[in-house]
Amino acid sequence: MIRKLHHAAYRCRDSEATRAFYEDFLGLPLVNAFEISETKSGRATHVLHSFYAMDDGSCVAFFEDPATPFDFKDQRDFDLHLALEVPHDQLQPMLDKGKQAGLDCRGISQHGGIDSIYFRDPNGYVLELTAKSEHHGAYMDPSQNHARDHLAAWQQAKPGYAK
């Protein structure tokens, strides 16, 4: 049922330094970057989320949040999670299965380009099962989502930026 890795997400200290390493050094293109000001549960936040594509279409993703120090304890979804792609028709059955098993789970969350459900594994890490939506192509196309513009705006506006 699980098809492949969609993205693995990690915190980063600086989005531009991360971009320079992953895109310039490793050759993984920046395919999306966007600011998040509110979580799906309504909590205010201020992070930049960026994605770097691998040849198979999977991505390594990063979150920059200057206001929150990174800590390997009690991580939020924005800080660390593993996302695995599944067929869309498997989201609800897997969510139901997780609830029946008494797991900490939530969803289905619609993120524009993907629909997702979430679980916590026995280690406390968040595992996301995700399915591409009909808008996935535009969501991951830098000519449509303006990833570089979002990254540049983030660099200009973030706290501590030396002008």
N, C-alpha and C. Protein backbone atom coordinates (compact mmCIF):
# COMPACT_ATOMS: atom_id res chain seq x y z
N MET A 1 0.81 -1.19 0.00
CA MET A 1 0.00 0.00 0.00
C MET A 1 0.86 1.26 0.00
N ILE A 2 1.91 1.33 0.80
CA ILE A 2 2.76 2.53 0.81
C ILE A 2 3.59 2.53 -0.47
N ARG A 3 3.53 3.64 -1.21
CA ARG A 3 4.17 3.72 -2.52
C ARG A 3 5.63 4.12 -2.44
N LYS A 4 5.92 5.20 -1.76
CA LYS A 4 7.29 5.72 -1.70
C LYS A 4 7.33 6.85 -0.69
N LEU A 5 8.51 7.36 -0.45
CA LEU A 5 8.67 8.52 0.39
C LEU A 5 8.18 9.76 -0.37
N HIS A 6 7.29 10.53 0.22
CA HIS A 6 6.89 11.81 -0.36
C HIS A 6 7.88 12.88 0.10
N HIS A 7 8.04 13.05 1.42
CA HIS A 7 9.07 13.94 1.94
C HIS A 7 9.43 13.56 3.37
N ALA A 8 10.65 13.85 3.73
CA ALA A 8 11.10 13.76 5.11
C ALA A 8 11.41 15.18 5.54
N ALA A 9 10.86 15.62 6.66
CA ALA A 9 10.97 17.02 7.08
C ALA A 9 11.80 17.16 8.35
N TYR A 10 12.64 18.18 8.37
CA TYR A 10 13.53 18.45 9.48
C TYR A 10 13.57 19.94 9.75
N ARG A 11 13.96 20.32 10.96
CA ARG A 11 14.18 21.73 11.25
C ARG A 11 15.50 22.17 10.64
N CYS A 12 15.62 23.46 10.37
CA CYS A 12 16.88 24.03 9.93
C CYS A 12 17.12 25.35 10.64
N ARG A 13 18.39 25.75 10.70
CA ARG A 13 18.74 27.01 11.36
C ARG A 13 18.51 28.21 10.46
N ASP A 14 18.76 28.05 9.16
CA ASP A 14 18.66 29.15 8.22
C ASP A 14 18.28 28.59 6.86
N SER A 15 17.16 29.04 6.30
CA SER A 15 16.67 28.49 5.04
C SER A 15 17.61 28.73 3.87
N GLU A 16 18.25 29.88 3.82
CA GLU A 16 19.14 30.16 2.71
C GLU A 16 20.40 29.31 2.78
N ALA A 17 20.97 29.14 3.96
CA ALA A 17 22.14 28.26 4.11
C ALA A 17 21.77 26.82 3.77
N THR A 18 20.57 26.42 4.16
CA THR A 18 20.09 25.07 3.84
C THR A 18 19.90 24.93 2.34
N ARG A 19 19.32 25.96 1.70
CA ARG A 19 19.14 25.93 0.26
C ARG A 19 20.48 25.83 -0.47
N ALA A 20 21.44 26.61 -0.01
CA ALA A 20 22.76 26.59 -0.64
C ALA A 20 23.37 25.18 -0.61
N PHE A 21 23.21 24.50 0.52
CA PHE A 21 23.77 23.15 0.61
C PHE A 21 22.99 22.16 -0.24
N TYR A 22 21.67 22.11 -0.07
CA TYR A 22 20.87 21.10 -0.76
C TYR A 22 20.73 21.36 -2.26
N GLU A 23 20.58 22.63 -2.64
CA GLU A 23 20.40 22.93 -4.06
C GLU A 23 21.75 23.13 -4.76
N ASP A 24 22.58 24.02 -4.23
CA ASP A 24 23.83 24.34 -4.90
C ASP A 24 24.86 23.22 -4.78
N PHE A 25 25.01 22.67 -3.57
CA PHE A 25 26.03 21.65 -3.36
C PHE A 25 25.56 20.26 -3.81
N LEU A 26 24.40 19.84 -3.35
CA LEU A 26 23.91 18.49 -3.68
C LEU A 26 23.18 18.40 -5.02
N GLY A 27 22.68 19.52 -5.51
CA GLY A 27 21.96 19.51 -6.79
C GLY A 27 20.49 19.16 -6.69
N LEU A 28 19.92 19.25 -5.48
CA LEU A 28 18.48 19.00 -5.31
C LEU A 28 17.74 20.31 -5.50
N PRO A 29 16.91 20.44 -6.54
CA PRO A 29 16.26 21.73 -6.80
C PRO A 29 15.23 22.10 -5.74
N LEU A 30 15.21 23.39 -5.41
CA LEU A 30 14.16 23.95 -4.57
C LEU A 30 12.89 23.95 -5.40
N VAL A 31 11.88 23.20 -4.98
CA VAL A 31 10.65 23.10 -5.75
C VAL A 31 9.47 23.82 -5.10
N ASN A 32 9.60 24.16 -3.80
CA ASN A 32 8.55 24.93 -3.15
C ASN A 32 9.10 25.53 -1.87
N ALA A 33 8.62 26.72 -1.55
CA ALA A 33 8.91 27.38 -0.27
C ALA A 33 7.73 28.29 0.02
N PHE A 34 7.21 28.19 1.23
CA PHE A 34 6.07 29.03 1.58
C PHE A 34 6.05 29.27 3.08
N GLU A 35 5.50 30.41 3.44
CA GLU A 35 5.39 30.79 4.83
C GLU A 35 4.09 30.22 5.40
N ILE A 36 4.15 29.77 6.64
CA ILE A 36 2.98 29.26 7.35
C ILE A 36 2.74 30.18 8.54
N SER A 37 1.57 30.79 8.61
CA SER A 37 1.27 31.71 9.71
C SER A 37 0.27 31.13 10.70
N GLU A 38 -0.40 30.04 10.30
CA GLU A 38 -1.37 29.40 11.18
C GLU A 38 -1.42 27.92 10.87
N THR A 39 -1.43 27.10 11.92
CA THR A 39 -1.52 25.66 11.73
C THR A 39 -2.95 25.27 11.36
N LYS A 40 -3.14 24.06 10.92
CA LYS A 40 -4.48 23.57 10.58
C LYS A 40 -5.39 23.52 11.81
N SER A 41 -4.79 23.50 13.00
CA SER A 41 -5.60 23.51 14.23
C SER A 41 -5.86 24.94 14.72
N GLY A 42 -5.39 25.96 13.98
CA GLY A 42 -5.68 27.34 14.33
C GLY A 42 -4.64 28.03 15.18
N ARG A 43 -3.54 27.37 15.49
CA ARG A 43 -2.48 27.97 16.30
C ARG A 43 -1.64 28.90 15.44
N ALA A 44 -1.38 30.11 15.94
CA ALA A 44 -0.53 31.06 15.22
C ALA A 44 0.91 30.57 15.23
N THR A 45 1.60 30.75 14.12
CA THR A 45 3.01 30.36 14.00
C THR A 45 3.64 31.26 12.95
N HIS A 46 4.92 31.14 12.76
CA HIS A 46 5.61 31.91 11.73
C HIS A 46 6.83 31.09 11.29
N VAL A 47 6.65 30.26 10.29
CA VAL A 47 7.72 29.40 9.79
C VAL A 47 7.78 29.47 8.27
N LEU A 48 8.94 29.12 7.74
CA LEU A 48 9.10 28.94 6.30
C LEU A 48 9.31 27.46 6.06
N HIS A 49 8.58 26.92 5.11
CA HIS A 49 8.68 25.50 4.76
C HIS A 49 9.23 25.43 3.34
N SER A 50 10.33 24.69 3.15
CA SER A 50 10.93 24.57 1.83
C SER A 50 11.15 23.10 1.48
N PHE A 51 11.07 22.80 0.17
CA PHE A 51 11.16 21.42 -0.32
C PHE A 51 12.24 21.31 -1.39
N TYR A 52 13.04 20.24 -1.31
CA TYR A 52 14.10 19.95 -2.28
C TYR A 52 13.83 18.56 -2.86
N ALA A 53 13.67 18.50 -4.17
CA ALA A 53 13.23 17.27 -4.83
C ALA A 53 14.38 16.33 -5.16
N MET A 54 14.11 15.04 -4.99
CA MET A 54 15.02 13.99 -5.43
C MET A 54 14.54 13.47 -6.78
N ASP A 55 15.37 12.71 -7.46
CA ASP A 55 15.06 12.25 -8.81
C ASP A 55 13.75 11.47 -8.90
N ASP A 56 13.39 10.77 -7.86
CA ASP A 56 12.16 9.97 -7.90
C ASP A 56 10.92 10.78 -7.55
N GLY A 57 11.09 12.09 -7.34
CA GLY A 57 9.97 12.94 -6.98
C GLY A 57 9.80 13.11 -5.49
N SER A 58 10.48 12.32 -4.68
CA SER A 58 10.40 12.52 -3.23
C SER A 58 11.24 13.72 -2.85
N CYS A 59 11.00 14.26 -1.67
CA CYS A 59 11.68 15.49 -1.26
C CYS A 59 12.25 15.38 0.14
N VAL A 60 13.28 16.17 0.37
CA VAL A 60 13.76 16.48 1.70
C VAL A 60 13.23 17.88 1.98
N ALA A 61 12.59 18.07 3.11
CA ALA A 61 11.95 19.34 3.41
C ALA A 61 12.47 19.89 4.73
N PHE A 62 12.38 21.20 4.88
CA PHE A 62 12.88 21.86 6.08
C PHE A 62 11.92 22.93 6.53
N PHE A 63 11.93 23.18 7.85
CA PHE A 63 11.17 24.27 8.45
C PHE A 63 12.16 25.19 9.15
N GLU A 64 12.05 26.48 8.89
CA GLU A 64 12.81 27.46 9.65
C GLU A 64 11.84 28.24 10.52
N ASP A 65 12.14 28.30 11.82
CA ASP A 65 11.32 29.03 12.78
C ASP A 65 12.26 29.74 13.74
N PRO A 66 12.67 30.97 13.42
CA PRO A 66 13.64 31.68 14.26
C PRO A 66 13.18 31.90 15.70
N ALA A 67 11.89 31.90 15.95
CA ALA A 67 11.37 32.19 17.29
C ALA A 67 11.44 30.98 18.23
N THR A 68 11.65 29.78 17.68
CA THR A 68 11.62 28.58 18.51
C THR A 68 12.94 27.82 18.42
N PRO A 69 13.71 27.72 19.51
CA PRO A 69 14.95 26.95 19.46
C PRO A 69 14.67 25.49 19.13
N PHE A 70 15.56 24.86 18.41
CA PHE A 70 15.39 23.45 18.06
C PHE A 70 15.83 22.59 19.22
N ASP A 71 15.03 21.60 19.53
CA ASP A 71 15.29 20.68 20.63
C ASP A 71 14.83 19.30 20.18
N PHE A 72 15.60 18.28 20.43
CA PHE A 72 15.21 16.94 20.03
C PHE A 72 14.18 16.30 20.94
N LYS A 73 13.68 17.03 21.91
CA LYS A 73 12.64 16.53 22.79
C LYS A 73 11.32 17.22 22.46
N ASP A 74 10.23 16.51 22.58
CA ASP A 74 8.89 17.06 22.38
C ASP A 74 8.76 17.81 21.06
N GLN A 75 9.20 17.19 19.99
CA GLN A 75 9.16 17.84 18.68
C GLN A 75 7.74 18.02 18.18
N ARG A 76 7.51 19.16 17.51
CA ARG A 76 6.26 19.41 16.82
C ARG A 76 6.35 18.81 15.41
N ASP A 77 5.20 18.70 14.73
CA ASP A 77 5.21 18.21 13.35
C ASP A 77 6.11 19.06 12.48
N PHE A 78 6.12 20.38 12.70
CA PHE A 78 6.95 21.28 11.91
C PHE A 78 8.43 20.98 12.08
N ASP A 79 8.80 20.41 13.21
CA ASP A 79 10.21 20.16 13.49
C ASP A 79 10.72 18.84 12.92
N LEU A 80 9.89 17.81 12.98
CA LEU A 80 10.37 16.50 12.54
C LEU A 80 9.19 15.58 12.30
N HIS A 81 9.08 15.06 11.08
CA HIS A 81 8.12 14.01 10.80
C HIS A 81 8.53 13.26 9.55
N LEU A 82 8.01 12.09 9.37
CA LEU A 82 8.27 11.27 8.19
C LEU A 82 6.97 11.09 7.45
N ALA A 83 6.96 11.44 6.16
CA ALA A 83 5.75 11.33 5.34
C ALA A 83 5.94 10.24 4.30
N LEU A 84 4.98 9.34 4.23
CA LEU A 84 5.00 8.25 3.27
C LEU A 84 3.77 8.35 2.39
N GLU A 85 3.97 8.21 1.09
CA GLU A 85 2.86 8.34 0.14
C GLU A 85 2.05 7.05 0.05
N VAL A 86 0.74 7.22 0.01
CA VAL A 86 -0.20 6.11 -0.14
C VAL A 86 -1.23 6.50 -1.19
N PRO A 87 -1.96 5.52 -1.74
CA PRO A 87 -3.08 5.87 -2.63
C PRO A 87 -4.15 6.64 -1.85
N HIS A 88 -4.81 7.57 -2.50
CA HIS A 88 -5.79 8.43 -1.84
C HIS A 88 -6.89 7.61 -1.16
N ASP A 89 -7.30 6.53 -1.79
CA ASP A 89 -8.40 5.73 -1.23
C ASP A 89 -8.00 4.96 0.03
N GLN A 90 -6.74 5.06 0.44
CA GLN A 90 -6.28 4.39 1.66
C GLN A 90 -6.25 5.32 2.87
N LEU A 91 -6.42 6.62 2.66
CA LEU A 91 -6.34 7.54 3.80
C LEU A 91 -7.40 7.26 4.86
N GLN A 92 -8.65 7.23 4.47
CA GLN A 92 -9.71 7.01 5.46
C GLN A 92 -9.62 5.63 6.12
N PRO A 93 -9.40 4.55 5.36
CA PRO A 93 -9.25 3.25 6.02
C PRO A 93 -8.08 3.21 7.02
N MET A 94 -6.98 3.87 6.68
CA MET A 94 -5.85 3.88 7.61
C MET A 94 -6.15 4.74 8.84
N LEU A 95 -6.84 5.85 8.65
CA LEU A 95 -7.24 6.68 9.78
C LEU A 95 -8.17 5.88 10.70
N ASP A 96 -9.13 5.21 10.11
CA ASP A 96 -10.05 4.37 10.89
C ASP A 96 -9.29 3.29 11.65
N LYS A 97 -8.34 2.65 10.97
CA LYS A 97 -7.55 1.59 11.59
C LYS A 97 -6.75 2.14 12.78
N GLY A 98 -6.17 3.33 12.62
CA GLY A 98 -5.42 3.95 13.72
C GLY A 98 -6.30 4.26 14.91
N LYS A 99 -7.50 4.79 14.63
CA LYS A 99 -8.43 5.09 15.72
C LYS A 99 -8.87 3.82 16.43
N GLN A 100 -9.16 2.77 15.66
CA GLN A 100 -9.57 1.49 16.25
C GLN A 100 -8.46 0.89 17.12
N ALA A 101 -7.21 1.15 16.75
CA ALA A 101 -6.08 0.64 17.52
C ALA A 101 -5.75 1.52 18.72
N GLY A 102 -6.46 2.66 18.87
CA GLY A 102 -6.22 3.54 19.99
C GLY A 102 -4.99 4.42 19.83
N LEU A 103 -4.54 4.60 18.59
CA LEU A 103 -3.37 5.43 18.35
C LEU A 103 -3.74 6.91 18.37
N ASP A 104 -2.77 7.73 18.72
CA ASP A 104 -2.91 9.17 18.59
C ASP A 104 -2.88 9.46 17.09
N CYS A 105 -4.02 9.83 16.51
CA CYS A 105 -4.09 10.06 15.07
C CYS A 105 -5.04 11.20 14.76
N ARG A 106 -4.83 11.80 13.59
CA ARG A 106 -5.70 12.90 13.16
C ARG A 106 -5.68 13.02 11.65
N GLY A 107 -6.64 13.76 11.12
CA GLY A 107 -6.79 13.95 9.69
C GLY A 107 -8.22 13.65 9.32
N ILE A 108 -8.56 13.68 8.14
CA ILE A 108 -7.76 13.94 6.95
C ILE A 108 -7.60 15.45 6.82
N SER A 109 -6.34 15.92 6.70
CA SER A 109 -6.03 17.33 6.52
C SER A 109 -5.74 17.59 5.06
N GLN A 110 -6.37 18.63 4.52
CA GLN A 110 -6.14 19.01 3.13
C GLN A 110 -5.18 20.18 3.12
N HIS A 111 -4.05 20.00 2.43
CA HIS A 111 -2.98 21.01 2.42
C HIS A 111 -2.82 21.67 1.05
N GLY A 112 -3.80 21.56 0.17
CA GLY A 112 -3.70 22.16 -1.16
C GLY A 112 -3.16 21.19 -2.18
N GLY A 113 -1.96 20.69 -1.97
CA GLY A 113 -1.35 19.75 -2.90
C GLY A 113 -1.38 18.32 -2.43
N ILE A 114 -1.64 18.12 -1.15
CA ILE A 114 -1.72 16.77 -0.58
C ILE A 114 -2.81 16.72 0.47
N ASP A 115 -3.31 15.52 0.70
CA ASP A 115 -4.23 15.24 1.80
C ASP A 115 -3.50 14.25 2.71
N SER A 116 -3.61 14.45 4.02
CA SER A 116 -2.79 13.67 4.94
C SER A 116 -3.53 13.22 6.18
N ILE A 117 -3.03 12.13 6.74
CA ILE A 117 -3.41 11.68 8.07
C ILE A 117 -2.12 11.51 8.86
N TYR A 118 -2.23 11.57 10.17
CA TYR A 118 -1.05 11.58 11.03
C TYR A 118 -1.20 10.60 12.18
N PHE A 119 -0.09 9.97 12.53
CA PHE A 119 0.01 9.06 13.68
C PHE A 119 1.28 9.39 14.44
N ARG A 120 1.33 8.98 15.70
CA ARG A 120 2.59 8.99 16.44
C ARG A 120 3.06 7.55 16.54
N ASP A 121 4.33 7.34 16.22
CA ASP A 121 4.88 5.99 16.32
C ASP A 121 5.26 5.70 17.78
N PRO A 122 5.72 4.51 18.09
CA PRO A 122 6.05 4.18 19.48
C PRO A 122 7.15 5.05 20.08
N ASN A 123 7.93 5.69 19.23
CA ASN A 123 8.99 6.57 19.71
C ASN A 123 8.53 8.00 19.93
N GLY A 124 7.29 8.31 19.58
CA GLY A 124 6.78 9.66 19.71
C GLY A 124 6.92 10.49 18.45
N TYR A 125 7.57 9.93 17.42
CA TYR A 125 7.69 10.66 16.16
C TYR A 125 6.38 10.65 15.40
N VAL A 126 6.16 11.71 14.65
CA VAL A 126 4.95 11.81 13.83
C VAL A 126 5.20 11.11 12.50
N LEU A 127 4.30 10.21 12.15
CA LEU A 127 4.30 9.54 10.85
C LEU A 127 3.09 10.05 10.08
N GLU A 128 3.34 10.58 8.89
CA GLU A 128 2.28 11.11 8.04
C GLU A 128 2.09 10.18 6.85
N LEU A 129 0.86 9.78 6.62
CA LEU A 129 0.52 9.09 5.39
C LEU A 129 -0.16 10.12 4.51
N THR A 130 0.31 10.26 3.29
CA THR A 130 -0.12 11.35 2.43
C THR A 130 -0.49 10.86 1.05
N ALA A 131 -1.46 11.53 0.46
CA ALA A 131 -1.89 11.23 -0.91
C ALA A 131 -1.93 12.53 -1.69
N LYS A 132 -1.47 12.48 -2.94
CA LYS A 132 -1.46 13.67 -3.79
C LYS A 132 -2.89 14.07 -4.15
N SER A 133 -3.15 15.39 -4.12
CA SER A 133 -4.44 15.91 -4.55
C SER A 133 -4.36 16.24 -6.04
N GLU A 134 -5.48 16.66 -6.59
CA GLU A 134 -5.52 17.02 -8.01
C GLU A 134 -4.68 18.27 -8.29
N HIS A 135 -4.33 19.04 -7.26
CA HIS A 135 -3.56 20.27 -7.43
C HIS A 135 -2.07 20.07 -7.15
N HIS A 136 -1.64 18.83 -7.01
CA HIS A 136 -0.27 18.55 -6.61
C HIS A 136 0.77 19.11 -7.58
N GLY A 137 0.49 19.04 -8.88
CA GLY A 137 1.45 19.54 -9.86
C GLY A 137 1.76 21.01 -9.67
N ALA A 138 0.73 21.83 -9.54
CA ALA A 138 0.91 23.27 -9.34
C ALA A 138 1.55 23.57 -7.98
N TYR A 139 1.18 22.80 -6.97
CA TYR A 139 1.69 22.96 -5.60
C TYR A 139 3.21 22.82 -5.56
N MET A 140 3.76 21.95 -6.41
CA MET A 140 5.19 21.67 -6.41
C MET A 140 5.92 22.27 -7.61
N ASP A 141 5.29 23.14 -8.36
CA ASP A 141 5.89 23.74 -9.55
C ASP A 141 6.37 25.15 -9.21
N PRO A 142 7.69 25.37 -9.16
CA PRO A 142 8.19 26.69 -8.77
C PRO A 142 7.76 27.82 -9.71
N SER A 143 7.39 27.50 -10.94
CA SER A 143 6.92 28.56 -11.84
C SER A 143 5.50 29.01 -11.47
N GLN A 144 4.79 28.21 -10.68
CA GLN A 144 3.43 28.56 -10.26
C GLN A 144 3.34 28.96 -8.79
N ASN A 145 4.17 28.40 -7.93
CA ASN A 145 4.07 28.68 -6.50
C ASN A 145 5.07 29.74 -6.02
N HIS A 146 5.98 30.16 -6.91
CA HIS A 146 6.91 31.25 -6.62
C HIS A 146 7.81 30.97 -5.41
N ALA A 147 8.38 29.77 -5.39
CA ALA A 147 9.22 29.34 -4.27
C ALA A 147 10.37 30.31 -3.99
N ARG A 148 11.10 30.71 -5.03
CA ARG A 148 12.24 31.62 -4.82
C ARG A 148 11.78 32.97 -4.26
N ASP A 149 10.64 33.47 -4.73
CA ASP A 149 10.11 34.73 -4.21
C ASP A 149 9.78 34.62 -2.73
N HIS A 150 9.18 33.48 -2.33
CA HIS A 150 8.84 33.28 -0.92
C HIS A 150 10.10 33.19 -0.06
N LEU A 151 11.13 32.49 -0.57
CA LEU A 151 12.39 32.39 0.17
C LEU A 151 13.04 33.76 0.29
N ALA A 152 13.08 34.53 -0.80
CA ALA A 152 13.69 35.87 -0.76
C ALA A 152 12.94 36.79 0.21
N ALA A 153 11.62 36.76 0.17
CA ALA A 153 10.82 37.58 1.09
C ALA A 153 11.08 37.18 2.53
N TRP A 154 11.18 35.88 2.78
CA TRP A 154 11.49 35.38 4.12
C TRP A 154 12.83 35.94 4.59
N GLN A 155 13.85 35.89 3.74
CA GLN A 155 15.18 36.38 4.10
C GLN A 155 15.13 37.87 4.44
N GLN A 156 14.35 38.64 3.71
CA GLN A 156 14.26 40.08 3.95
C GLN A 156 13.52 40.41 5.24
N ALA A 157 12.51 39.62 5.59
CA ALA A 157 11.63 39.97 6.70
C ALA A 157 11.95 39.30 8.01
N LYS A 158 12.75 38.24 8.01
CA LYS A 158 12.94 37.50 9.25
C LYS A 158 13.77 38.28 10.26
N PRO A 159 13.54 38.03 11.55
CA PRO A 159 14.29 38.73 12.60
C PRO A 159 15.78 38.49 12.46
N GLY A 160 16.56 39.53 12.68
CA GLY A 160 18.00 39.39 12.66
C GLY A 160 18.62 39.48 11.28
N TYR A 161 17.84 39.72 10.25
CA TYR A 161 18.40 39.82 8.91
C TYR A 161 19.20 41.11 8.79
N ALA A 162 20.46 40.99 8.39
CA ALA A 162 21.33 42.18 8.25
C ALA A 162 21.10 42.79 6.88
N LYS A 163 20.55 43.99 6.85
CA LYS A 163 20.26 44.66 5.58
C LYS A 163 21.41 45.51 5.12
